[in-house]
C-alpha atoms as a PDB file:
ATOM      1  CA  GLN A   1      92.749 126.510  63.182  1.00  0.00           C
ATOM      2  CA  PHE A   2      96.388 127.381  63.932  1.00  0.00           C
ATOM      3  CA  ILE A   3      98.009 129.474  66.349  1.00  0.00           C
ATOM      4  CA  GLY A   4     101.244 128.145  67.077  1.00  0.00           C
ATOM      5  CA  PRO A   5     103.327 125.084  67.726  1.00  0.00           C
ATOM      6  CA  ALA A   6     101.766 123.083  70.464  1.00  0.00           C
ATOM      7  CA  ASP A   7     104.941 123.510  72.736  1.00  0.00           C
ATOM      8  CA  MET A   8     104.130 127.371  72.542  1.00  0.00           C
ATOM      9  CA  LEU A   9     100.488 127.335  74.238  1.00  0.00           C
ATOM     10  CA  GLY A  10      99.754 127.891  77.404  1.00  0.00           C
ATOM     11  CA  GLN A  11     102.695 130.233  78.246  1.00  0.00           C
ATOM     12  CA  GLY A  12     101.047 133.190  78.230  1.00  0.00           C
ATOM     13  CA  HIS A  13     102.028 134.424  75.201  1.00  0.00           C
ATOM     14  CA  GLY A  14      98.961 135.799  73.883  1.00  0.00           C
ATOM     15  CA  SER A  15      97.869 138.059  77.216  1.00  0.00           C
ATOM     16  CA  ARG A  16     101.668 139.735  76.814  1.00  0.00           C
ATOM     17  CA  PHE A  17     100.697 140.277  72.710  1.00  0.00           C
ATOM     18  CA  ILE A  18      97.106 141.538  73.919  1.00  0.00           C
ATOM     19  CA  ALA A  19      98.305 143.414  76.677  1.00  0.00           C
ATOM     20  CA  GLN A  20     101.326 144.994  74.641  1.00  0.00           C
ATOM     21  CA  ARG A  21      98.632 145.882  71.845  1.00  0.00           C
ATOM     22  CA  MET A  22      96.360 147.838  74.468  1.00  0.00           C
ATOM     23  CA  ALA A  23      99.406 149.627  75.999  1.00  0.00           C
ATOM     24  CA  ALA A  24      99.549 151.220  72.385  1.00  0.00           C
ATOM     25  CA  LEU A  25      95.885 151.720  71.764  1.00  0.00           C
ATOM     26  CA  PHE A  26      95.424 153.278  75.484  1.00  0.00           C
ATOM     27  CA  ALA A  27      98.503 155.539  75.137  1.00  0.00           C
ATOM     28  CA  GLY A  28      97.068 157.084  71.596  1.00  0.00           C
ATOM     29  CA  GLY A  29      93.932 157.866  73.353  1.00  0.00           C
ATOM     30  CA  ALA A  30      91.723 155.251  73.442  1.00  0.00           C
ATOM     31  CA  PRO A  31      89.341 155.171  76.613  1.00  0.00           C
ATOM     32  CA  ALA A  32      88.421 151.546  76.335  1.00  0.00           C
ATOM     33  CA  ILE A  33      88.977 148.627  73.949  1.00  0.00           C
ATOM     34  CA  GLY A  34      86.209 146.074  72.844  1.00  0.00           C
ATOM     35  CA  THR A  35      86.790 142.397  71.215  1.00  0.00           C
ATOM     36  CA  ASP A  36      84.472 139.614  70.601  1.00  0.00           C
ATOM     37  CA  PRO A  37      85.731 135.942  71.175  1.00  0.00           C
ATOM     38  CA  ASP A  38      83.866 133.171  70.164  1.00  0.00           C
ATOM     39  CA  PRO A  39      82.346 132.031  73.539  1.00  0.00           C
ATOM     40  CA  ASP A  40      83.531 128.628  73.072  1.00  0.00           C
ATOM     41  CA  ASN A  41      87.109 129.479  72.891  1.00  0.00           C
ATOM     42  CA  ALA A  42      87.738 128.966  76.557  1.00  0.00           C
ATOM     43  CA  ARG A  43      91.780 129.742  75.568  1.00  0.00           C
ATOM     44  CA  ALA A  44      90.944 133.218  73.754  1.00  0.00           C
ATOM     45  CA  ILE A  45      88.730 134.395  76.616  1.00  0.00           C
ATOM     46  CA  ALA A  46      91.165 133.294  79.158  1.00  0.00           C
ATOM     47  CA  ALA A  47      93.919 135.104  77.489  1.00  0.00           C
ATOM     48  CA  TYR A  48      91.678 138.425  77.067  1.00  0.00           C
ATOM     49  CA  ARG A  49      90.714 138.070  81.043  1.00  0.00           C
ATOM     50  CA  LYS A  50      94.597 137.100  81.815  1.00  0.00           C
ATOM     51  CA  ALA A  51      95.237 140.888  79.816  1.00  0.00           C
ATOM     52  CA  GLY A  52      92.402 143.041  81.510  1.00  0.00           C
ATOM     53  CA  PHE A  53      89.166 142.562  79.908  1.00  0.00           C
ATOM     54  CA  ALA A  54      85.932 141.851  81.605  1.00  0.00           C
ATOM     55  CA  VAL A  55      82.878 140.504  80.060  1.00  0.00           C
ATOM     56  CA  ALA A  56      80.232 142.964  79.073  1.00  0.00           C
ATOM     57  CA  GLY A  57      77.088 141.177  78.211  1.00  0.00           C
ATOM     58  CA  ALA A  58      75.576 138.056  77.250  1.00  0.00           C
ATOM     59  CA  ALA A  59      77.047 135.727  74.704  1.00  0.00           C
ATOM     60  CA  ALA A  60      74.900 136.731  71.238  1.00  0.00           C
ATOM     61  CA  GLU A  61      75.098 135.901  67.379  1.00  0.00           C
ATOM     62  CA  GLY A  62      75.946 138.244  64.643  1.00  0.00           C
ATOM     63  CA  PRO A  63      76.430 138.669  61.257  1.00  0.00           C
ATOM     64  CA  TRP A  64      79.844 136.425  61.619  1.00  0.00           C
ATOM     65  CA  GLY A  65      78.443 133.880  64.364  1.00  0.00           C
ATOM     66  CA  ARG A  66      78.422 134.029  67.677  1.00  0.00           C
ATOM     67  CA  TYR A  67      80.075 136.304  69.742  1.00  0.00           C
ATOM     68  CA  LEU A  68      81.149 137.117  73.792  1.00  0.00           C
ATOM     69  CA  PRO A  69      81.547 140.903  74.051  1.00  0.00           C
ATOM     70  CA  MET A  70      84.757 141.655  76.202  1.00  0.00           C
ATOM     71  CA  VAL A  71      85.990 145.313  77.459  1.00  0.00           C
ATOM     72  CA  ALA A  72      89.009 146.878  78.912  1.00  0.00           C
ATOM     73  CA  LEU A  73      88.909 150.405  79.877  1.00  0.00           C
ATOM     74  CA  LYS A  74      91.574 152.832  80.163  1.00  0.00           C
ATOM     75  CA  PRO A  75      93.357 152.232  83.554  1.00  0.00           C
ATOM     76  CA  GLY A  76      91.765 155.524  85.867  1.00  0.00           C
ATOM     77  CA  ALA A  77      89.230 155.491  83.629  1.00  0.00           C
ATOM     78  CA  ALA A  78      86.194 155.879  85.465  1.00  0.00           C
ATOM     79  CA  GLY A  79      83.571 153.061  84.016  1.00  0.00           C
END
């Protein structure tokens, strides 16, 4: 799987992109955002955590493979 040049990895680009997208979704009225990375994809999970996501349940098997449910609540939202 190619996500970018090796020298661009680990620089925080992914979590910044995710945070920008989250801001747009929250500004548009979304009360929460979910994502479901592969539980073995430590780099993706770290980027989501850095952007504000938290694990929302145990890793599970779905129609497209294993996933780890994660959620981010709109700042100020009860949860």
